[in-house]
PDB file of N, CA and C in Angstrom:
ATOM      1  N   MET A   1      33.351  -7.413  31.045  1.00  0.00           N
ATOM      2  CA  MET A   1      32.690  -6.526  30.106  1.00  0.00           C
ATOM      3  C   MET A   1      31.659  -5.692  30.859  1.00  0.00           C
ATOM      4  N   ARG A   2      31.732  -4.410  30.702  1.00  0.00           N
ATOM      5  CA  ARG A   2      30.824  -3.495  31.386  1.00  0.00           C
ATOM      6  C   ARG A   2      29.686  -3.118  30.432  1.00  0.00           C
ATOM      7  N   ILE A   3      28.448  -3.197  30.924  1.00  0.00           N
ATOM      8  CA  ILE A   3      27.287  -2.830  30.118  1.00  0.00           C
ATOM      9  C   ILE A   3      26.735  -1.517  30.655  1.00  0.00           C
ATOM     10  N   ASP A   4      26.574  -0.559  29.785  1.00  0.00           N
ATOM     11  CA  ASP A   4      26.005   0.736  30.151  1.00  0.00           C
ATOM     12  C   ASP A   4      24.480   0.582  30.136  1.00  0.00           C
ATOM     13  N   LEU A   5      23.859   0.507  31.326  1.00  0.00           N
ATOM     14  CA  LEU A   5      22.428   0.231  31.436  1.00  0.00           C
ATOM     15  C   LEU A   5      21.564   1.251  30.697  1.00  0.00           C
ATOM     16  N   PRO A   6      21.762   2.560  30.880  1.00  0.00           N
ATOM     17  CA  PRO A   6      20.904   3.502  30.142  1.00  0.00           C
ATOM     18  C   PRO A   6      21.015   3.338  28.620  1.00  0.00           C
ATOM     19  N   LEU A   7      22.210   3.083  28.131  1.00  0.00           N
ATOM     20  CA  LEU A   7      22.388   2.880  26.696  1.00  0.00           C
ATOM     21  C   LEU A   7      21.698   1.596  26.241  1.00  0.00           C
ATOM     22  N   ALA A   8      21.797   0.549  27.041  1.00  0.00           N
ATOM     23  CA  ALA A   8      21.148  -0.720  26.705  1.00  0.00           C
ATOM     24  C   ALA A   8      19.632  -0.559  26.674  1.00  0.00           C
ATOM     25  N   VAL A   9      19.073   0.148  27.651  1.00  0.00           N
ATOM     26  CA  VAL A   9      17.622   0.369  27.706  1.00  0.00           C
ATOM     27  C   VAL A   9      17.178   1.208  26.512  1.00  0.00           C
ATOM     28  N   ALA A  10      17.907   2.280  26.212  1.00  0.00           N
ATOM     29  CA  ALA A  10      17.557   3.139  25.079  1.00  0.00           C
ATOM     30  C   ALA A  10      17.607   2.358  23.767  1.00  0.00           C
ATOM     31  N   SER A  11      18.599   1.520  23.600  1.00  0.00           N
ATOM     32  CA  SER A  11      18.718   0.710  22.387  1.00  0.00           C
ATOM     33  C   SER A  11      17.561  -0.272  22.263  1.00  0.00           C
ATOM     34  N   PHE A  12      17.172  -0.876  23.377  1.00  0.00           N
ATOM     35  CA  PHE A  12      16.064  -1.823  23.392  1.00  0.00           C
ATOM     36  C   PHE A  12      14.759  -1.127  23.002  1.00  0.00           C
ATOM     37  N   VAL A  13      14.507   0.033  23.595  1.00  0.00           N
ATOM     38  CA  VAL A  13      13.279   0.779  23.300  1.00  0.00           C
ATOM     39  C   VAL A  13      13.258   1.198  21.834  1.00  0.00           C
ATOM     40  N   LEU A  14      14.373   1.661  21.326  1.00  0.00           N
ATOM     41  CA  LEU A  14      14.454   2.061  19.924  1.00  0.00           C
ATOM     42  C   LEU A  14      14.209   0.866  19.002  1.00  0.00           C
ATOM     43  N   ALA A  15      14.731  -0.276  19.355  1.00  0.00           N
ATOM     44  CA  ALA A  15      14.533  -1.476  18.542  1.00  0.00           C
ATOM     45  C   ALA A  15      13.066  -1.883  18.504  1.00  0.00           C
ATOM     46  N   LEU A  16      12.347  -1.692  19.595  1.00  0.00           N
ATOM     47  CA  LEU A  16      10.930  -2.049  19.648  1.00  0.00           C
ATOM     48  C   LEU A  16      10.034  -1.051  18.933  1.00  0.00           C
ATOM     49  N   SER A  17      10.546   0.141  18.682  1.00  0.00           N
ATOM     50  CA  SER A  17       9.708   1.193  18.110  1.00  0.00           C
ATOM     51  C   SER A  17       9.427   0.992  16.628  1.00  0.00           C
ATOM     52  N   GLY A  18      10.095   0.054  15.989  1.00  0.00           N
ATOM     53  CA  GLY A  18       9.854  -0.204  14.578  1.00  0.00           C
ATOM     54  C   GLY A  18      10.789   0.592  13.704  1.00  0.00           C
ATOM     55  N   PRO A  19      10.531   0.587  12.407  1.00  0.00           N
ATOM     56  CA  PRO A  19      11.440   1.269  11.497  1.00  0.00           C
ATOM     57  C   PRO A  19      11.448   2.771  11.733  1.00  0.00           C
ATOM     58  N   VAL A  20      12.626   3.346  11.658  1.00  0.00           N
ATOM     59  CA  VAL A  20      12.756   4.781  11.859  1.00  0.00           C
ATOM     60  C   VAL A  20      12.345   5.521  10.597  1.00  0.00           C
ATOM     61  N   PHE A  21      12.676   4.980   9.451  1.00  0.00           N
ATOM     62  CA  PHE A  21      12.366   5.636   8.194  1.00  0.00           C
ATOM     63  C   PHE A  21      11.275   4.860   7.467  1.00  0.00           C
ATOM     64  N   ALA A  22      10.265   5.565   7.032  1.00  0.00           N
ATOM     65  CA  ALA A  22       9.212   4.934   6.249  1.00  0.00           C
ATOM     66  C   ALA A  22       9.661   4.871   4.798  1.00  0.00           C
ATOM     67  N   GLY A  23       9.153   3.909   4.091  1.00  0.00           N
ATOM     68  CA  GLY A  23       9.471   3.799   2.677  1.00  0.00           C
ATOM     69  C   GLY A  23       8.547   4.681   1.860  1.00  0.00           C
ATOM     70  N   PRO A  24       8.718   4.703   0.548  1.00  0.00           N
ATOM     71  CA  PRO A  24       7.900   5.569  -0.298  1.00  0.00           C
ATOM     72  C   PRO A  24       6.410   5.236  -0.241  1.00  0.00           C
ATOM     73  N   GLY A  25       6.059   3.979  -0.056  1.00  0.00           N
ATOM     74  CA  GLY A  25       4.644   3.616   0.048  1.00  0.00           C
ATOM     75  C   GLY A  25       3.990   4.199   1.282  1.00  0.00           C
ATOM     76  N   GLU A  26       4.669   4.088   2.424  1.00  0.00           N
ATOM     77  CA  GLU A  26       4.143   4.644   3.665  1.00  0.00           C
ATOM     78  C   GLU A  26       4.100   6.165   3.602  1.00  0.00           C
ATOM     79  N   ASP A  27       5.135   6.765   3.000  1.00  0.00           N
ATOM     80  CA  ASP A  27       5.169   8.224   2.856  1.00  0.00           C
ATOM     81  C   ASP A  27       3.999   8.709   2.006  1.00  0.00           C
ATOM     82  N   LEU A  28       3.720   8.009   0.917  1.00  0.00           N
ATOM     83  CA  LEU A  28       2.618   8.389   0.044  1.00  0.00           C
ATOM     84  C   LEU A  28       1.283   8.225   0.759  1.00  0.00           C
ATOM     85  N   ALA A  29       1.125   7.156   1.511  1.00  0.00           N
ATOM     86  CA  ALA A  29      -0.114   6.944   2.269  1.00  0.00           C
ATOM     87  C   ALA A  29      -0.346   8.094   3.242  1.00  0.00           C
ATOM     88  N   ALA A  30       0.716   8.555   3.888  1.00  0.00           N
ATOM     89  CA  ALA A  30       0.597   9.683   4.817  1.00  0.00           C
ATOM     90  C   ALA A  30       0.260  10.967   4.061  1.00  0.00           C
ATOM     91  N   ALA A  31       0.944  11.213   2.954  1.00  0.00           N
ATOM     92  CA  ALA A  31       0.727  12.435   2.179  1.00  0.00           C
ATOM     93  C   ALA A  31      -0.681  12.487   1.581  1.00  0.00           C
ATOM     94  N   GLN A  32      -1.208  11.339   1.174  1.00  0.00           N
ATOM     95  CA  GLN A  32      -2.532  11.281   0.560  1.00  0.00           C
ATOM     96  C   GLN A  32      -3.655  11.145   1.597  1.00  0.00           C
ATOM     97  N   LYS A  33      -3.261  11.090   2.872  1.00  0.00           N
ATOM     98  CA  LYS A  33      -4.219  10.977   3.983  1.00  0.00           C
ATOM     99  C   LYS A  33      -5.089   9.716   3.880  1.00  0.00           C
ATOM    100  N   CYS A  34      -4.452   8.609   3.495  1.00  0.00           N
ATOM    101  CA  CYS A  34      -5.162   7.330   3.387  1.00  0.00           C
ATOM    102  C   CYS A  34      -5.763   6.908   4.728  1.00  0.00           C
ATOM    103  N   SER A  35      -5.094   7.299   5.821  1.00  0.00           N
ATOM    104  CA  SER A  35      -5.562   6.882   7.147  1.00  0.00           C
ATOM    105  C   SER A  35      -6.882   7.543   7.533  1.00  0.00           C
ATOM    106  N   LYS A  36      -7.341   8.494   6.749  1.00  0.00           N
ATOM    107  CA  LYS A  36      -8.655   9.088   6.997  1.00  0.00           C
ATOM    108  C   LYS A  36      -9.747   8.018   6.854  1.00  0.00           C
ATOM    109  N   CYS A  37      -9.531   7.087   5.932  1.00  0.00           N
ATOM    110  CA  CYS A  37     -10.530   6.041   5.679  1.00  0.00           C
ATOM    111  C   CYS A  37     -10.024   4.619   5.904  1.00  0.00           C
ATOM    112  N   HIS A  38      -8.704   4.423   5.940  1.00  0.00           N
ATOM    113  CA  HIS A  38      -8.122   3.083   6.018  1.00  0.00           C
ATOM    114  C   HIS A  38      -7.125   2.966   7.164  1.00  0.00           C
ATOM    115  N   THR A  39      -7.014   1.762   7.707  1.00  0.00           N
ATOM    116  CA  THR A  39      -5.941   1.422   8.639  1.00  0.00           C
ATOM    117  C   THR A  39      -5.324   0.114   8.151  1.00  0.00           C
ATOM    118  N   ALA A  40      -4.234  -0.263   8.760  1.00  0.00           N
ATOM    119  CA  ALA A  40      -3.558  -1.488   8.331  1.00  0.00           C
ATOM    120  C   ALA A  40      -4.388  -2.729   8.636  1.00  0.00           C
ATOM    121  N   LYS A  41      -5.032  -2.778   9.793  1.00  0.00           N
ATOM    122  CA  LYS A  41      -5.662  -4.034  10.225  1.00  0.00           C
ATOM    123  C   LYS A  41      -7.162  -3.959  10.512  1.00  0.00           C
ATOM    124  N   THR A  42      -7.724  -2.779  10.733  1.00  0.00           N
ATOM    125  CA  THR A  42      -9.141  -2.703  11.090  1.00  0.00           C
ATOM    126  C   THR A  42      -9.916  -1.864  10.079  1.00  0.00           C
ATOM    127  N   THR A  43     -11.190  -2.179   9.902  1.00  0.00           N
ATOM    128  CA  THR A  43     -12.038  -1.446   8.976  1.00  0.00           C
ATOM    129  C   THR A  43     -12.429  -0.116   9.591  1.00  0.00           C
ATOM    130  N   LYS A  44     -12.327   0.922   8.807  1.00  0.00           N
ATOM    131  CA  LYS A  44     -12.735   2.264   9.202  1.00  0.00           C
ATOM    132  C   LYS A  44     -13.852   2.636   8.232  1.00  0.00           C
ATOM    133  N   LYS A  45     -13.782   3.777   7.577  1.00  0.00           N
ATOM    134  CA  LYS A  45     -14.749   4.089   6.520  1.00  0.00           C
ATOM    135  C   LYS A  45     -14.518   3.167   5.324  1.00  0.00           C
ATOM    136  N   GLY A  46     -13.263   2.898   5.050  1.00  0.00           N
ATOM    137  CA  GLY A  46     -12.893   1.984   3.974  1.00  0.00           C
ATOM    138  C   GLY A  46     -12.321   0.708   4.550  1.00  0.00           C
ATOM    139  N   PRO A  47     -12.069  -0.270   3.711  1.00  0.00           N
ATOM    140  CA  PRO A  47     -11.537  -1.543   4.209  1.00  0.00           C
ATOM    141  C   PRO A  47     -10.106  -1.400   4.716  1.00  0.00           C
ATOM    142  N   SER A  48      -9.724  -2.287   5.606  1.00  0.00           N
ATOM    143  CA  SER A  48      -8.336  -2.300   6.078  1.00  0.00           C
ATOM    144  C   SER A  48      -7.439  -2.751   4.937  1.00  0.00           C
ATOM    145  N   TRP A  49      -6.169  -2.374   5.033  1.00  0.00           N
ATOM    146  CA  TRP A  49      -5.212  -2.834   4.025  1.00  0.00           C
ATOM    147  C   TRP A  49      -5.117  -4.354   4.060  1.00  0.00           C
ATOM    148  N   ALA A  50      -5.228  -4.927   5.262  1.00  0.00           N
ATOM    149  CA  ALA A  50      -5.150  -6.387   5.391  1.00  0.00           C
ATOM    150  C   ALA A  50      -6.292  -7.066   4.633  1.00  0.00           C
ATOM    151  N   SER A  51      -7.500  -6.499   4.708  1.00  0.00           N
ATOM    152  CA  SER A  51      -8.622  -7.118   3.998  1.00  0.00           C
ATOM    153  C   SER A  51      -8.488  -6.937   2.485  1.00  0.00           C
ATOM    154  N   VAL A  52      -7.911  -5.824   2.059  1.00  0.00           N
ATOM    155  CA  VAL A  52      -7.649  -5.636   0.626  1.00  0.00           C
ATOM    156  C   VAL A  52      -6.620  -6.667   0.164  1.00  0.00           C
ATOM    157  N   ALA A  53      -5.567  -6.834   0.953  1.00  0.00           N
ATOM    158  CA  ALA A  53      -4.529  -7.817   0.616  1.00  0.00           C
ATOM    159  C   ALA A  53      -5.118  -9.222   0.553  1.00  0.00           C
ATOM    160  N   GLU A  54      -6.009  -9.535   1.478  1.00  0.00           N
ATOM    161  CA  GLU A  54      -6.650 -10.852   1.498  1.00  0.00           C
ATOM    162  C   GLU A  54      -7.510 -11.049   0.247  1.00  0.00           C
ATOM    163  N   LYS A  55      -8.229 -10.006  -0.145  1.00  0.00           N
ATOM    164  CA  LYS A  55      -9.087 -10.071  -1.337  1.00  0.00           C
ATOM    165  C   LYS A  55      -8.274 -10.392  -2.593  1.00  0.00           C
ATOM    166  N   TYR A  56      -7.084  -9.818  -2.672  1.00  0.00           N
ATOM    167  CA  TYR A  56      -6.246 -10.000  -3.859  1.00  0.00           C
ATOM    168  C   TYR A  56      -5.247 -11.147  -3.730  1.00  0.00           C
ATOM    169  N   ALA A  57      -5.231 -11.831  -2.616  1.00  0.00           N
ATOM    170  CA  ALA A  57      -4.244 -12.896  -2.377  1.00  0.00           C
ATOM    171  C   ALA A  57      -4.303 -13.960  -3.467  1.00  0.00           C
ATOM    172  N   GLY A  58      -3.139 -14.304  -3.990  1.00  0.00           N
ATOM    173  CA  GLY A  58      -3.039 -15.364  -4.979  1.00  0.00           C
ATOM    174  C   GLY A  58      -3.446 -14.984  -6.390  1.00  0.00           C
ATOM    175  N   LYS A  59      -3.822 -13.735  -6.600  1.00  0.00           N
ATOM    176  CA  LYS A  59      -4.228 -13.298  -7.939  1.00  0.00           C
ATOM    177  C   LYS A  59      -3.032 -12.667  -8.648  1.00  0.00           C
ATOM    178  N   ALA A  60      -2.715 -13.186  -9.809  1.00  0.00           N
ATOM    179  CA  ALA A  60      -1.535 -12.731 -10.546  1.00  0.00           C
ATOM    180  C   ALA A  60      -1.616 -11.258 -10.933  1.00  0.00           C
ATOM    181  N   ASP A  61      -2.824 -10.765 -11.160  1.00  0.00           N
ATOM    182  CA  ASP A  61      -2.981  -9.379 -11.597  1.00  0.00           C
ATOM    183  C   ASP A  61      -3.304  -8.423 -10.447  1.00  0.00           C
ATOM    184  N   ALA A  62      -3.082  -8.844  -9.216  1.00  0.00           N
ATOM    185  CA  ALA A  62      -3.441  -8.037  -8.048  1.00  0.00           C
ATOM    186  C   ALA A  62      -2.781  -6.663  -8.071  1.00  0.00           C
ATOM    187  N   SER A  63      -1.481  -6.630  -8.277  1.00  0.00           N
ATOM    188  CA  SER A  63      -0.760  -5.351  -8.275  1.00  0.00           C
ATOM    189  C   SER A  63      -1.273  -4.430  -9.368  1.00  0.00           C
ATOM    190  N   ASP A  64      -1.479  -4.977 -10.548  1.00  0.00           N
ATOM    191  CA  ASP A  64      -1.949  -4.159 -11.670  1.00  0.00           C
ATOM    192  C   ASP A  64      -3.346  -3.605 -11.414  1.00  0.00           C
ATOM    193  N   LYS A  65      -4.240  -4.440 -10.913  1.00  0.00           N
ATOM    194  CA  LYS A  65      -5.615  -3.990 -10.653  1.00  0.00           C
ATOM    195  C   LYS A  65      -5.655  -2.908  -9.578  1.00  0.00           C
ATOM    196  N   LEU A  66      -4.931  -3.124  -8.497  1.00  0.00           N
ATOM    197  CA  LEU A  66      -4.926  -2.137  -7.418  1.00  0.00           C
ATOM    198  C   LEU A  66      -4.258  -0.839  -7.875  1.00  0.00           C
ATOM    199  N   PHE A  67      -3.211  -0.949  -8.676  1.00  0.00           N
ATOM    200  CA  PHE A  67      -2.539   0.232  -9.224  1.00  0.00           C
ATOM    201  C   PHE A  67      -3.526   1.072 -10.042  1.00  0.00           C
ATOM    202  N   VAL A  68      -4.251   0.440 -10.957  1.00  0.00           N
ATOM    203  CA  VAL A  68      -5.215   1.154 -11.800  1.00  0.00           C
ATOM    204  C   VAL A  68      -6.308   1.777 -10.939  1.00  0.00           C
ATOM    205  N   TYR A  69      -6.787   1.037  -9.950  1.00  0.00           N
ATOM    206  CA  TYR A  69      -7.836   1.544  -9.059  1.00  0.00           C
ATOM    207  C   TYR A  69      -7.377   2.820  -8.356  1.00  0.00           C
ATOM    208  N   LEU A  70      -6.160   2.807  -7.811  1.00  0.00           N
ATOM    209  CA  LEU A  70      -5.659   3.977  -7.092  1.00  0.00           C
ATOM    210  C   LEU A  70      -5.346   5.134  -8.042  1.00  0.00           C
ATOM    211  N   LYS A  71      -4.825   4.831  -9.197  1.00  0.00           N
ATOM    212  CA  LYS A  71      -4.426   5.865 -10.166  1.00  0.00           C
ATOM    213  C   LYS A  71      -5.640   6.554 -10.785  1.00  0.00           C
ATOM    214  N   THR A  72      -6.721   5.803 -11.024  1.00  0.00           N
ATOM    215  CA  THR A  72      -7.878   6.367 -11.721  1.00  0.00           C
ATOM    216  C   THR A  72      -9.022   6.752 -10.797  1.00  0.00           C
ATOM    217  N   GLY A  73      -8.960   6.350  -9.536  1.00  0.00           N
ATOM    218  CA  GLY A  73     -10.044   6.687  -8.616  1.00  0.00           C
ATOM    219  C   GLY A  73     -11.262   5.825  -8.852  1.00  0.00           C
ATOM    220  N   GLY A  74     -11.155   4.569  -8.583  1.00  0.00           N
ATOM    221  CA  GLY A  74     -12.228   3.610  -8.828  1.00  0.00           C
ATOM    222  C   GLY A  74     -13.498   3.876  -8.034  1.00  0.00           C
ATOM    223  N   LYS A  75     -14.543   3.165  -8.394  1.00  0.00           N
ATOM    224  CA  LYS A  75     -15.854   3.292  -7.753  1.00  0.00           C
ATOM    225  C   LYS A  75     -15.861   2.532  -6.434  1.00  0.00           C
ATOM    226  N   MET A  76     -16.309   3.199  -5.349  1.00  0.00           N
ATOM    227  CA  MET A  76     -16.387   2.543  -4.038  1.00  0.00           C
ATOM    228  C   MET A  76     -17.800   2.080  -3.742  1.00  0.00           C
ATOM    229  N   SER A  77     -18.760   2.965  -3.939  1.00  0.00           N
ATOM    230  CA  SER A  77     -20.157   2.630  -3.676  1.00  0.00           C
ATOM    231  C   SER A  77     -21.005   3.488  -4.612  1.00  0.00           C
ATOM    232  N   ASP A  78     -22.306   3.415  -4.462  1.00  0.00           N
ATOM    233  CA  ASP A  78     -23.186   4.211  -5.321  1.00  0.00           C
ATOM    234  C   ASP A  78     -22.956   5.709  -5.150  1.00  0.00           C
ATOM    235  N   ASP A  79     -22.578   6.114  -3.943  1.00  0.00           N
ATOM    236  CA  ASP A  79     -22.453   7.539  -3.645  1.00  0.00           C
ATOM    237  C   ASP A  79     -21.032   8.069  -3.700  1.00  0.00           C
ATOM    238  N   ASP A  80     -20.063   7.205  -3.678  1.00  0.00           N
ATOM    239  CA  ASP A  80     -18.679   7.625  -3.480  1.00  0.00           C
ATOM    240  C   ASP A  80     -17.739   7.053  -4.528  1.00  0.00           C
ATOM    241  N   ASP A  81     -16.769   7.860  -4.904  1.00  0.00           N
ATOM    242  CA  ASP A  81     -15.653   7.395  -5.722  1.00  0.00           C
ATOM    243  C   ASP A  81     -14.400   7.488  -4.879  1.00  0.00           C
ATOM    244  N   HIS A  82     -13.485   6.548  -5.062  1.00  0.00           N
ATOM    245  CA  HIS A  82     -12.211   6.608  -4.350  1.00  0.00           C
ATOM    246  C   HIS A  82     -11.400   7.752  -4.932  1.00  0.00           C
ATOM    247  N   LYS A  83     -10.743   8.498  -4.079  1.00  0.00           N
ATOM    248  CA  LYS A  83      -9.893   9.606  -4.503  1.00  0.00           C
ATOM    249  C   LYS A  83      -8.762   9.083  -5.389  1.00  0.00           C
ATOM    250  N   LYS A  84      -8.452   9.808  -6.459  1.00  0.00           N
ATOM    251  CA  LYS A  84      -7.297   9.459  -7.287  1.00  0.00           C
ATOM    252  C   LYS A  84      -6.034   9.760  -6.501  1.00  0.00           C
ATOM    253  N   VAL A  85      -5.098   8.856  -6.534  1.00  0.00           N
ATOM    254  CA  VAL A  85      -3.816   9.082  -5.871  1.00  0.00           C
ATOM    255  C   VAL A  85      -2.934   9.857  -6.841  1.00  0.00           C
ATOM    256  N   GLU A  86      -2.587  11.058  -6.440  1.00  0.00           N
ATOM    257  CA  GLU A  86      -1.763  11.935  -7.275  1.00  0.00           C
ATOM    258  C   GLU A  86      -0.303  11.732  -6.903  1.00  0.00           C
ATOM    259  N   ALA A  87       0.402  10.934  -7.682  1.00  0.00           N
ATOM    260  CA  ALA A  87       1.810  10.641  -7.408  1.00  0.00           C
ATOM    261  C   ALA A  87       2.421   9.994  -8.640  1.00  0.00           C
ATOM    262  N   THR A  88       3.715   9.772  -8.574  1.00  0.00           N
ATOM    263  CA  THR A  88       4.384   9.078  -9.676  1.00  0.00           C
ATOM    264  C   THR A  88       3.943   7.617  -9.695  1.00  0.00           C
ATOM    265  N   ASP A  89       4.060   7.004 -10.847  1.00  0.00           N
ATOM    266  CA  ASP A  89       3.720   5.583 -10.957  1.00  0.00           C
ATOM    267  C   ASP A  89       4.552   4.747  -9.990  1.00  0.00           C
ATOM    268  N   ALA A  90       5.828   5.093  -9.848  1.00  0.00           N
ATOM    269  CA  ALA A  90       6.709   4.336  -8.945  1.00  0.00           C
ATOM    270  C   ALA A  90       6.227   4.431  -7.503  1.00  0.00           C
ATOM    271  N   ASP A  91       5.793   5.616  -7.082  1.00  0.00           N
ATOM    272  CA  ASP A  91       5.304   5.775  -5.712  1.00  0.00           C
ATOM    273  C   ASP A  91       3.987   5.032  -5.500  1.00  0.00           C
ATOM    274  N   ILE A  92       3.110   5.064  -6.494  1.00  0.00           N
ATOM    275  CA  ILE A  92       1.845   4.330  -6.371  1.00  0.00           C
ATOM    276  C   ILE A  92       2.117   2.830  -6.310  1.00  0.00           C
ATOM    277  N   LYS A  93       3.070   2.357  -7.099  1.00  0.00           N
ATOM    278  CA  LYS A  93       3.434   0.933  -7.050  1.00  0.00           C
ATOM    279  C   LYS A  93       4.009   0.568  -5.683  1.00  0.00           C
ATOM    280  N   ALA A  94       4.746   1.494  -5.070  1.00  0.00           N
ATOM    281  CA  ALA A  94       5.273   1.248  -3.721  1.00  0.00           C
ATOM    282  C   ALA A  94       4.130   1.167  -2.716  1.00  0.00           C
ATOM    283  N   LEU A  95       3.122   2.017  -2.869  1.00  0.00           N
ATOM    284  CA  LEU A  95       1.951   1.973  -1.988  1.00  0.00           C
ATOM    285  C   LEU A  95       1.199   0.659  -2.179  1.00  0.00           C
ATOM    286  N   VAL A  96       1.029   0.234  -3.408  1.00  0.00           N
ATOM    287  CA  VAL A  96       0.372  -1.048  -3.698  1.00  0.00           C
ATOM    288  C   VAL A  96       1.119  -2.186  -3.011  1.00  0.00           C
ATOM    289  N   ALA A  97       2.441  -2.151  -3.074  1.00  0.00           N
ATOM    290  CA  ALA A  97       3.246  -3.200  -2.433  1.00  0.00           C
ATOM    291  C   ALA A  97       3.031  -3.218  -0.928  1.00  0.00           C
ATOM    292  N   VAL A  98       2.937  -2.038  -0.314  1.00  0.00           N
ATOM    293  CA  VAL A  98       2.695  -1.958   1.132  1.00  0.00           C
ATOM    294  C   VAL A  98       1.325  -2.539   1.464  1.00  0.00           C
ATOM    295  N   VAL A  99       0.318  -2.153   0.699  1.00  0.00           N
ATOM    296  CA  VAL A  99      -1.042  -2.646   0.954  1.00  0.00           C
ATOM    297  C   VAL A  99      -1.094  -4.167   0.798  1.00  0.00           C
ATOM    298  N   LEU A 100      -0.543  -4.682  -0.282  1.00  0.00           N
ATOM    299  CA  LEU A 100      -0.610  -6.127  -0.529  1.00  0.00           C
ATOM    300  C   LEU A 100       0.232  -6.936   0.451  1.00  0.00           C
ATOM    301  N   ALA A 101       1.196  -6.305   1.084  1.00  0.00           N
ATOM    302  CA  ALA A 101       2.026  -6.992   2.087  1.00  0.00           C
ATOM    303  C   ALA A 101       1.399  -6.943   3.478  1.00  0.00           C
ATOM    304  N   SER A 102       0.234  -6.339   3.599  1.00  0.00           N
ATOM    305  CA  SER A 102      -0.396  -6.142   4.914  1.00  0.00           C
ATOM    306  C   SER A 102      -1.173  -7.339   5.417  1.00  0.00           C
ATOM    307  N   ARG A 103      -1.176  -8.422   4.687  1.00  0.00           N
ATOM    308  CA  ARG A 103      -1.922  -9.632   5.061  1.00  0.00           C
ATOM    309  C   ARG A 103      -1.506 -10.199   6.358  1.00  0.00           C
TER     310      ARG A 103
END
């Protein structure tokens, strides 16, 4: 059996690069510029998605609460309100799923 080395290397690199297509939650996060304040694992201006997921871990109403917060633009601090996420309910629910899976 002959192995084509350049093809094998290219396939390996592509496999390590992660998913080629983002899902609707990731697409919405990019479109809404969530990364301006949030990252998956580290705190920026806002909490990391992982810390949000940890906060809601084990709570039955986690998805519903986070959905309402994103849809209505909840209170962040005395000076700031979280931006309302302008999208379909299905897309916001997909974003909530991505955030809660970031633990």
